[in-house]
Amino acid sequence: MANPRLRLLLPRRNFSRRDWAIAAFGFTVFVFFLSLISDSRTSTKTTAPLDFVDLTLLRNAEDQGAVCLDGSAPGYHFRSGFGSGSNNWVLHIEGGGWCNTVSSCLFRKTTALGSSNYMERQVRFSGILSHDSSQNPDFFGWNKVKVRYCDGASFAGNSQQNETQLFFRGQRIWKAVMDELLSIGLSNAKQVLLSGCSAGGLATLIHCDDFQAILPKDATVKCLADAGFFLDEKDITGNRRMQSFYRDVVHLQGVADSLDKDCVQRMGPSQCFFPQEFIKNIKTPVFLVNPAYDFWQIQYVLVPSESDPSGIWAKCRLSIQKCTPGQIEILHGFRNSLLKTLSEFQPSKDGMFINSCFSHCQTWITETWHSPNSPRINNKTIAESVGDWYFNRKSVKQIDCPYPCNPSCYNMDFTLR
């Protein structure tokens, strides 16, 4: 369905190559508006105070060199678990794209994606972070952490631009935040789920095995990447723009040492920023949630604005319902590429939920995670599917039929204002 409440409230515009960082900022606006309408169809109750969780700035961040792009302290939001969930943890890594040039990173450090000075002091916990059993049936009582994203390289960089005072310290932020969480109870965890959205989903995959290694050996540890499986795919003109973009990110921010060593030795660091090149090496169980028609990847991987100077794709990029039959066939081809890549991702320990929605992140918003109107495959919500996989109730390999077969989808429409 095309839900008029699920739309990006931004003016229509064409994005050039230099606007990738701005696209990331637009993503944060998008998720802000989604958080405002989350669960609006299913409840008229006033949001409980417990839904809003304070920002905690990392202690001694500067001493550890674990700072945001602008040198400010990174942060996270933490809410204690209760009842049977007191020793269990869900961590969710925020998304928001990357910066690949000095100029785009300088812009980024003037936003919440590059500086804690601009971060909201409270955020609402919903979806996978909800404490409400009706919205989050399997994880509602667990300790919850939202890790804020302010480095621009999926918590993987480790370098510095002295001339511009840009700090690329994602890897140090990751370690420092984990150390602080271990000190407040994560070290005693029994069950843990590391999750992330978009660039945070990529960070989840990059750090999944390292995360398991710092936890008790008898703990159940699994990882969930939501819309973090970015494809190395040609755009409609035959160019691989994401390859070039990721190469710039990896080089600028000193990402190589954080990436899978076997992959780097085999392919070089920039290719190993693509999950398809290293996911088979992840030993910890992994679950992928991904829309087959991911609007971010369609707009910036398959049909970036530079590839469509005449504007033939202008409407289709913003709303799948406005695509011509020929354009839909090309989008089906993108879906087929995703499924072909995932066909090698078949270990029994892993799972997936690949729906046919024109969407992006779906786990941290109640309306798409678990509600009466949530997207479903085989009558299962994302939350139910993740729970079945995490608790080994059944094997979960949920793959949807092609668009427009699933009426439960929330298909974003960016042409509506």
Protein backbone atom coordinates (compact mmCIF):
# COMPACT_ATOMS: atom_id res chain seq x y z
CA MET A 1 0.00 0.00 0.00
CA ALA A 2 1.14 3.56 -0.48
CA ASN A 3 0.64 5.09 2.93
CA PRO A 4 0.33 8.89 2.68
CA ARG A 5 1.75 9.15 6.21
CA LEU A 6 4.91 7.36 5.13
CA ARG A 7 6.53 9.99 2.96
CA LEU A 8 9.59 12.17 3.03
CA LEU A 9 8.56 15.75 3.69
CA LEU A 10 11.28 17.34 1.57
CA PRO A 11 11.10 19.33 -1.68
CA ARG A 12 11.81 17.38 -4.83
CA ARG A 13 15.35 17.82 -6.18
CA ASN A 14 18.06 16.24 -8.31
CA PHE A 15 21.12 14.93 -6.49
CA SER A 16 24.60 15.33 -7.95
CA ARG A 17 27.69 13.38 -7.00
CA ARG A 18 28.74 15.99 -4.45
CA ASP A 19 25.40 15.58 -2.65
CA TRP A 20 25.94 12.07 -1.27
CA ALA A 21 26.53 13.43 2.21
CA ILE A 22 23.40 15.55 1.89
CA ALA A 23 21.51 12.41 0.91
CA ALA A 24 22.58 10.93 4.21
CA PHE A 25 21.26 14.01 5.99
CA GLY A 26 18.01 13.66 4.06
CA PHE A 27 17.83 10.10 5.32
CA THR A 28 17.87 11.36 8.91
CA VAL A 29 14.99 13.70 8.09
CA PHE A 30 13.15 10.77 6.56
CA VAL A 31 13.59 8.62 9.65
CA PHE A 32 12.63 11.53 11.91
CA PHE A 33 9.27 11.85 10.19
CA LEU A 34 8.78 8.10 10.25
CA SER A 35 9.35 8.14 13.99
CA LEU A 36 6.65 10.78 14.33
CA ILE A 37 4.04 8.69 12.52
CA SER A 38 5.16 5.31 13.85
CA ASP A 39 2.20 3.36 15.13
CA SER A 40 -0.17 6.25 14.34
CA ARG A 41 -2.54 3.88 12.57
CA THR A 42 -2.78 1.45 15.43
CA SER A 43 -2.92 3.62 18.53
CA THR A 44 -4.21 6.98 19.66
CA LYS A 45 -2.55 6.73 23.08
CA THR A 46 -0.22 9.48 24.21
CA THR A 47 3.40 8.36 23.99
CA ALA A 48 4.58 7.20 27.40
CA PRO A 49 7.53 9.05 28.95
CA LEU A 50 9.49 5.77 28.99
CA ASP A 51 9.41 5.77 25.18
CA PHE A 52 11.90 8.67 25.21
CA VAL A 53 15.44 7.83 26.25
CA ASP A 54 18.17 10.29 27.18
CA LEU A 55 21.45 10.68 25.30
CA THR A 56 24.56 9.58 27.19
CA LEU A 57 27.85 11.07 25.99
CA LEU A 58 30.85 8.76 26.14
CA ARG A 59 33.06 9.31 29.19
CA ASN A 60 36.70 10.19 28.53
CA ALA A 61 36.11 10.08 24.77
CA GLU A 62 38.83 12.60 23.95
CA ASP A 63 41.43 10.73 26.02
CA GLN A 64 40.77 7.64 23.91
CA GLY A 65 40.70 9.52 20.61
CA ALA A 66 37.15 8.20 20.22
CA VAL A 67 35.49 11.32 18.87
CA CYS A 68 32.98 12.35 16.21
CA LEU A 69 34.04 14.01 12.97
CA ASP A 70 34.20 17.42 14.68
CA GLY A 71 36.01 16.17 17.79
CA SER A 72 32.93 16.06 20.05
CA ALA A 73 32.14 13.07 22.25
CA PRO A 74 30.05 10.28 20.67
CA GLY A 75 26.91 9.06 22.36
CA TYR A 76 24.34 6.38 22.91
CA HIS A 77 20.89 5.95 24.46
CA PHE A 78 20.40 3.22 27.08
CA ARG A 79 17.32 1.82 28.81
CA SER A 80 17.55 -0.96 31.38
CA GLY A 81 15.81 -4.26 30.86
CA PHE A 82 13.37 -5.79 33.29
CA GLY A 83 11.99 -9.14 34.40
CA SER A 84 13.28 -12.12 32.45
CA GLY A 85 15.06 -9.74 30.05
CA SER A 86 17.33 -8.18 32.70
CA ASN A 87 20.44 -10.01 31.47
CA ASN A 88 19.61 -9.80 27.77
CA TRP A 89 20.56 -6.99 25.37
CA VAL A 90 19.52 -5.47 22.05
CA LEU A 91 21.96 -2.99 20.53
CA HIS A 92 20.91 -0.96 17.52
CA ILE A 93 23.42 1.03 15.44
CA GLU A 94 22.06 4.19 13.84
CA GLY A 95 22.33 4.63 10.06
CA GLY A 96 22.90 7.66 7.87
CA GLY A 97 25.15 7.07 4.86
CA TRP A 98 28.85 7.94 4.62
CA CYS A 99 31.12 10.82 3.63
CA ASN A 100 33.77 10.23 0.98
CA THR A 101 35.47 13.62 0.53
CA VAL A 102 36.82 16.31 2.81
CA SER A 103 34.07 18.69 1.69
CA SER A 104 31.25 16.20 2.31
CA CYS A 105 32.69 15.32 5.73
CA LEU A 106 33.00 19.02 6.61
CA PHE A 107 29.31 19.40 5.79
CA ARG A 108 28.47 16.26 7.75
CA LYS A 109 30.18 17.50 10.92
CA THR A 110 27.62 20.33 11.06
CA THR A 111 24.84 17.75 11.52
CA ALA A 112 23.94 15.08 14.06
CA LEU A 113 25.71 12.57 11.80
CA GLY A 114 29.06 14.19 12.52
CA SER A 115 28.73 15.91 15.89
CA SER A 116 27.02 15.17 19.18
CA ASN A 117 26.45 18.93 19.49
CA TYR A 118 23.55 18.50 17.07
CA MET A 119 22.14 15.23 18.39
CA GLU A 120 18.68 15.14 19.98
CA ARG A 121 19.00 14.81 23.76
CA GLN A 122 16.17 12.28 23.76
CA VAL A 123 15.01 9.78 21.13
CA ARG A 124 11.98 7.59 21.02
CA PHE A 125 12.54 3.84 21.35
CA SER A 126 10.14 1.94 19.09
CA GLY A 127 10.14 -1.17 16.92
CA ILE A 128 12.96 -3.49 17.94
CA LEU A 129 13.78 -1.06 20.78
CA SER A 130 10.23 -0.91 22.15
CA HIS A 131 9.49 -2.01 25.73
CA ASP A 132 5.87 -2.81 24.77
CA SER A 133 5.19 -6.54 24.39
CA SER A 134 2.43 -5.87 21.85
CA GLN A 135 4.92 -4.09 19.59
CA ASN A 136 8.03 -6.16 20.32
CA PRO A 137 6.91 -9.61 21.48
CA ASP A 138 10.29 -11.34 21.88
CA PHE A 139 12.66 -8.57 22.99
CA PHE A 140 10.45 -6.11 24.90
CA GLY A 141 12.02 -6.67 28.34
CA TRP A 142 15.65 -6.62 27.22
CA ASN A 143 18.24 -3.93 27.89
CA LYS A 144 18.16 -1.59 24.89
CA VAL A 145 20.92 0.56 23.41
CA LYS A 146 20.83 2.87 20.42
CA VAL A 147 24.38 3.74 19.33
CA ARG A 148 24.54 7.13 17.61
CA TYR A 149 26.45 7.41 14.32
CA CYS A 150 28.83 10.34 13.93
CA ASP A 151 31.92 9.14 12.05
CA GLY A 152 30.76 8.66 8.43
CA ALA A 153 32.36 5.25 7.74
CA SER A 154 30.16 2.67 9.52
CA PHE A 155 32.29 2.73 12.70
CA ALA A 156 35.30 1.47 10.75
CA GLY A 157 37.68 4.41 10.10
CA ASN A 158 40.83 5.33 11.99
CA SER A 159 42.65 8.39 10.66
CA GLN A 160 42.64 12.17 10.89
CA GLN A 161 42.76 15.23 8.63
CA ASN A 162 44.95 17.67 10.55
CA GLU A 163 44.50 20.57 8.13
CA THR A 164 40.71 20.51 8.40
CA GLN A 165 40.40 19.12 11.95
CA LEU A 166 38.34 16.17 10.76
CA PHE A 167 38.50 13.10 12.98
CA PHE A 168 37.84 9.75 11.29
CA ARG A 169 37.63 7.65 14.44
CA GLY A 170 34.77 5.22 13.88
CA GLN A 171 36.77 2.16 14.96
CA ARG A 172 37.85 3.86 18.18
CA ILE A 173 34.27 4.97 18.85
CA TRP A 174 33.09 1.40 18.40
CA LYS A 175 35.63 0.04 20.89
CA ALA A 176 35.07 2.81 23.44
CA VAL A 177 31.27 2.47 23.37
CA MET A 178 31.52 -1.31 23.72
CA ASP A 179 33.93 -0.95 26.66
CA GLU A 180 31.51 1.42 28.41
CA LEU A 181 28.53 -0.89 27.80
CA LEU A 182 30.51 -3.86 29.13
CA SER A 183 31.15 -1.86 32.30
CA ILE A 184 27.43 -1.22 32.89
CA GLY A 185 26.24 -4.81 32.47
CA LEU A 186 26.83 -6.07 28.93
CA SER A 187 29.70 -8.22 30.27
CA ASN A 188 27.10 -10.35 32.12
CA ALA A 189 24.77 -10.79 29.15
CA LYS A 190 23.08 -14.13 28.51
CA GLN A 191 21.42 -13.32 25.19
CA VAL A 192 22.42 -10.51 22.84
CA LEU A 193 21.25 -9.21 19.48
CA LEU A 194 23.41 -6.66 17.66
CA SER A 195 21.39 -4.82 15.03
CA GLY A 196 21.71 -1.77 12.81
CA CYS A 197 19.95 0.18 10.07
CA SER A 198 21.44 1.13 6.68
CA ALA A 199 25.07 2.24 7.25
CA GLY A 200 24.50 0.91 10.77
CA GLY A 201 23.47 -2.41 9.23
CA LEU A 202 26.78 -2.47 7.38
CA ALA A 203 28.56 -1.68 10.68
CA THR A 204 26.72 -4.61 12.26
CA LEU A 205 28.11 -6.96 9.64
CA ILE A 206 31.64 -5.50 9.84
CA HIS A 207 31.78 -5.85 13.64
CA CYS A 208 29.62 -8.93 14.18
CA ASP A 209 32.37 -11.45 14.97
CA ASP A 210 34.43 -8.93 16.97
CA PHE A 211 31.31 -8.18 19.01
CA GLN A 212 30.78 -11.83 19.84
CA ALA A 213 34.42 -12.14 20.89
CA ILE A 214 34.08 -9.55 23.70
CA LEU A 215 31.04 -11.24 25.28
CA PRO A 216 30.83 -14.22 27.65
CA LYS A 217 31.57 -17.50 25.90
CA ASP A 218 28.26 -18.99 27.07
CA ALA A 219 26.16 -16.05 25.80
CA THR A 220 23.91 -16.45 22.76
CA VAL A 221 25.05 -13.74 20.34
CA LYS A 222 23.50 -13.02 16.94
CA CYS A 223 23.50 -10.10 14.47
CA LEU A 224 20.71 -8.45 12.48
CA ALA A 225 21.46 -6.14 9.52
CA ASP A 226 18.49 -4.04 8.39
CA ALA A 227 18.86 -2.53 4.89
CA GLY A 228 22.63 -2.86 5.22
CA PHE A 229 23.29 -5.21 2.31
CA PHE A 230 24.49 -2.67 -0.26
CA LEU A 231 25.10 -4.20 -3.68
CA ASP A 232 28.09 -3.76 -5.96
CA GLU A 233 25.79 -3.25 -8.93
CA LYS A 234 26.02 -1.29 -12.18
CA ASP A 235 23.75 1.70 -12.60
CA ILE A 236 21.48 2.08 -15.64
CA THR A 237 24.39 3.50 -17.69
CA GLY A 238 26.70 0.59 -16.85
CA ASN A 239 28.86 2.44 -14.30
CA ARG A 240 29.67 1.08 -10.86
CA ARG A 241 29.38 4.31 -8.90
CA MET A 242 29.24 2.61 -5.50
CA GLN A 243 32.65 1.05 -6.16
CA SER A 244 34.16 4.48 -6.69
CA PHE A 245 32.29 5.96 -3.74
CA TYR A 246 33.31 3.20 -1.33
CA ARG A 247 36.91 3.39 -2.56
CA ASP A 248 36.95 7.06 -1.56
CA VAL A 249 35.40 6.37 1.86
CA VAL A 250 37.86 3.56 2.64
CA HIS A 251 40.88 5.59 1.53
CA LEU A 252 39.90 8.90 3.16
CA GLN A 253 38.93 7.44 6.53
CA GLY A 254 41.54 4.68 6.89
CA VAL A 255 39.04 1.84 7.00
CA ALA A 256 41.21 -1.06 5.77
CA ASP A 257 42.31 -2.39 9.18
CA SER A 258 38.68 -2.82 10.31
CA LEU A 259 37.69 -5.02 7.39
CA ASP A 260 37.74 -8.79 6.98
CA LYS A 261 41.42 -9.74 6.65
CA ASP A 262 40.91 -12.65 4.25
CA CYS A 263 38.77 -10.49 1.98
CA VAL A 264 41.26 -7.61 1.99
CA GLN A 265 44.10 -9.94 1.09
CA ARG A 266 42.06 -11.40 -1.73
CA MET A 267 40.35 -8.31 -3.18
CA GLY A 268 41.71 -5.13 -1.64
CA PRO A 269 40.00 -3.04 1.06
CA SER A 270 37.46 -1.03 -0.96
CA GLN A 271 35.72 -4.14 -2.33
CA CYS A 272 35.53 -5.53 1.20
CA PHE A 273 33.21 -2.69 2.24
CA PHE A 274 30.54 -4.55 0.24
CA PRO A 275 28.83 -7.18 2.43
CA GLN A 276 28.59 -9.66 -0.45
CA GLU A 277 32.38 -10.00 -0.37
CA PHE A 278 32.78 -10.89 3.30
CA ILE A 279 29.46 -12.12 4.67
CA LYS A 280 30.38 -15.75 4.07
CA ASN A 281 33.31 -15.30 6.45
CA ILE A 282 31.11 -14.19 9.38
CA LYS A 283 30.97 -17.01 11.91
CA THR A 284 28.32 -15.47 14.17
CA PRO A 285 24.70 -16.15 13.09
CA VAL A 286 23.36 -13.32 10.89
CA PHE A 287 19.85 -12.28 9.86
CA LEU A 288 19.27 -9.96 6.90
CA VAL A 289 16.19 -7.74 6.61
CA ASN A 290 16.16 -6.05 3.21
CA PRO A 291 13.51 -4.69 0.86
CA ALA A 292 14.10 -6.06 -2.65
CA TYR A 293 13.22 -2.58 -3.96
CA ASP A 294 15.29 -0.60 -1.46
CA PHE A 295 14.57 3.02 -2.38
CA TRP A 296 17.99 4.22 -1.21
CA GLN A 297 19.80 1.76 -3.45
CA ILE A 298 17.47 2.50 -6.37
CA GLN A 299 18.05 6.25 -5.99
CA TYR A 300 21.81 6.15 -5.40
CA VAL A 301 23.09 2.83 -6.77
CA LEU A 302 20.83 1.83 -9.67
CA VAL A 303 19.57 5.24 -10.85
CA PRO A 304 21.74 8.03 -9.41
CA SER A 305 20.73 11.40 -10.79
CA GLU A 306 23.91 11.61 -12.90
CA SER A 307 22.80 8.52 -14.82
CA ASP A 308 19.50 10.14 -15.85
CA PRO A 309 20.26 13.66 -17.17
CA SER A 310 17.05 13.77 -19.21
CA GLY A 311 14.90 12.96 -16.16
CA ILE A 312 13.21 9.89 -17.65
CA TRP A 313 13.48 8.18 -14.26
CA ALA A 314 12.61 11.24 -12.17
CA LYS A 315 9.18 10.03 -11.04
CA CYS A 316 10.08 6.35 -10.80
CA ARG A 317 13.06 7.07 -8.53
CA LEU A 318 10.69 8.77 -6.09
CA SER A 319 7.73 6.39 -6.25
CA ILE A 320 7.65 2.83 -7.54
CA GLN A 321 3.96 3.33 -8.34
CA LYS A 322 4.95 5.90 -10.97
CA CYS A 323 7.35 3.60 -12.84
CA THR A 324 6.62 2.54 -16.42
CA PRO A 325 6.41 -1.19 -17.22
CA GLY A 326 9.89 -1.01 -18.75
CA GLN A 327 11.30 0.62 -15.62
CA ILE A 328 9.61 -1.99 -13.43
CA GLU A 329 11.42 -4.68 -15.42
CA ILE A 330 14.75 -2.98 -14.66
CA LEU A 331 13.82 -2.83 -10.97
CA HIS A 332 12.96 -6.54 -11.12
CA GLY A 333 16.46 -7.05 -12.52
CA PHE A 334 17.91 -5.28 -9.48
CA ARG A 335 15.85 -7.55 -7.23
CA ASN A 336 17.12 -10.58 -9.14
CA SER A 337 20.71 -9.43 -8.58
CA LEU A 338 20.05 -9.19 -4.86
CA LEU A 339 18.50 -12.66 -4.72
CA LYS A 340 21.30 -14.16 -6.82
CA THR A 341 23.88 -12.68 -4.45
CA LEU A 342 21.96 -13.95 -1.44
CA SER A 343 21.62 -17.44 -2.94
CA GLU A 344 25.16 -18.07 -1.67
CA PHE A 345 24.08 -16.97 1.82
CA GLN A 346 22.50 -20.24 2.88
CA PRO A 347 24.03 -21.51 6.16
CA SER A 348 21.39 -22.96 8.46
CA LYS A 349 22.52 -20.64 11.28
CA ASP A 350 21.55 -17.57 9.22
CA GLY A 351 18.17 -16.14 8.20
CA MET A 352 16.57 -13.52 6.01
CA PHE A 353 13.40 -11.52 5.38
CA ILE A 354 13.42 -10.03 1.87
CA ASN A 355 10.13 -8.30 1.11
CA SER A 356 9.07 -6.55 -2.08
CA CYS A 357 8.53 -3.11 -0.62
CA PHE A 358 9.82 0.27 -1.85
CA SER A 359 11.28 1.01 1.54
CA HIS A 360 14.58 1.08 3.42
CA CYS A 361 15.03 0.43 7.17
CA GLN A 362 12.14 -1.49 8.72
CA THR A 363 13.15 -2.84 12.15
CA TRP A 364 13.20 0.21 14.42
CA ILE A 365 9.74 1.54 13.52
CA THR A 366 6.75 -0.18 15.08
CA GLU A 367 4.61 0.23 11.98
CA THR A 368 6.97 -1.92 9.91
CA TRP A 369 8.45 -4.08 12.71
CA HIS A 370 5.32 -5.49 14.33
CA SER A 371 1.79 -4.09 14.22
CA PRO A 372 -1.56 -5.26 12.81
CA ASN A 373 -0.68 -3.49 9.53
CA SER A 374 2.99 -4.43 9.26
CA PRO A 375 4.46 -5.92 6.08
CA ARG A 376 4.24 -9.69 6.12
CA ILE A 377 5.57 -12.66 4.23
CA ASN A 378 3.66 -15.92 4.71
CA ASN A 379 1.62 -14.10 7.37
CA LYS A 380 4.72 -13.38 9.47
CA THR A 381 5.88 -9.90 10.48
CA ILE A 382 9.55 -9.02 10.55
CA ALA A 383 9.52 -9.21 14.35
CA GLU A 384 7.98 -12.69 14.33
CA SER A 385 10.46 -13.89 11.72
CA VAL A 386 13.46 -12.52 13.62
CA GLY A 387 12.16 -14.08 16.84
CA ASP A 388 11.68 -17.48 15.17
CA TRP A 389 15.28 -17.32 13.94
CA TYR A 390 16.87 -15.95 17.11
CA PHE A 391 15.25 -18.52 19.41
CA ASN A 392 15.67 -21.39 16.92
CA ARG A 393 11.93 -21.96 16.70
CA LYS A 394 12.29 -22.58 12.98
CA SER A 395 14.53 -21.89 10.01
CA VAL A 396 13.65 -18.53 8.44
CA LYS A 397 14.35 -17.81 4.76
CA GLN A 398 11.46 -15.50 3.89
CA ILE A 399 11.65 -14.25 0.28
CA ASP A 400 8.72 -12.29 -1.12
CA CYS A 401 7.23 -12.50 -4.60
CA PRO A 402 8.03 -9.61 -7.01
CA TYR A 403 6.37 -6.18 -6.78
CA PRO A 404 3.43 -5.49 -6.70
CA CYS A 405 2.31 -8.81 -5.26
CA ASN A 406 2.42 -7.95 -1.53
CA PRO A 407 -0.48 -5.69 -0.42
CA SER A 408 0.94 -5.42 3.11
CA CYS A 409 3.95 -3.36 1.92
CA TYR A 410 4.50 0.25 2.87
CA ASN A 411 5.77 1.74 -0.37
CA MET A 412 7.34 5.16 0.14
CA ASP A 413 6.12 7.91 -2.17
CA PHE A 414 8.52 10.86 -2.22
CA THR A 415 6.40 12.78 -4.75
CA LEU A 416 3.74 13.51 -2.14
CA ARG A 417 4.11 16.71 -0.14
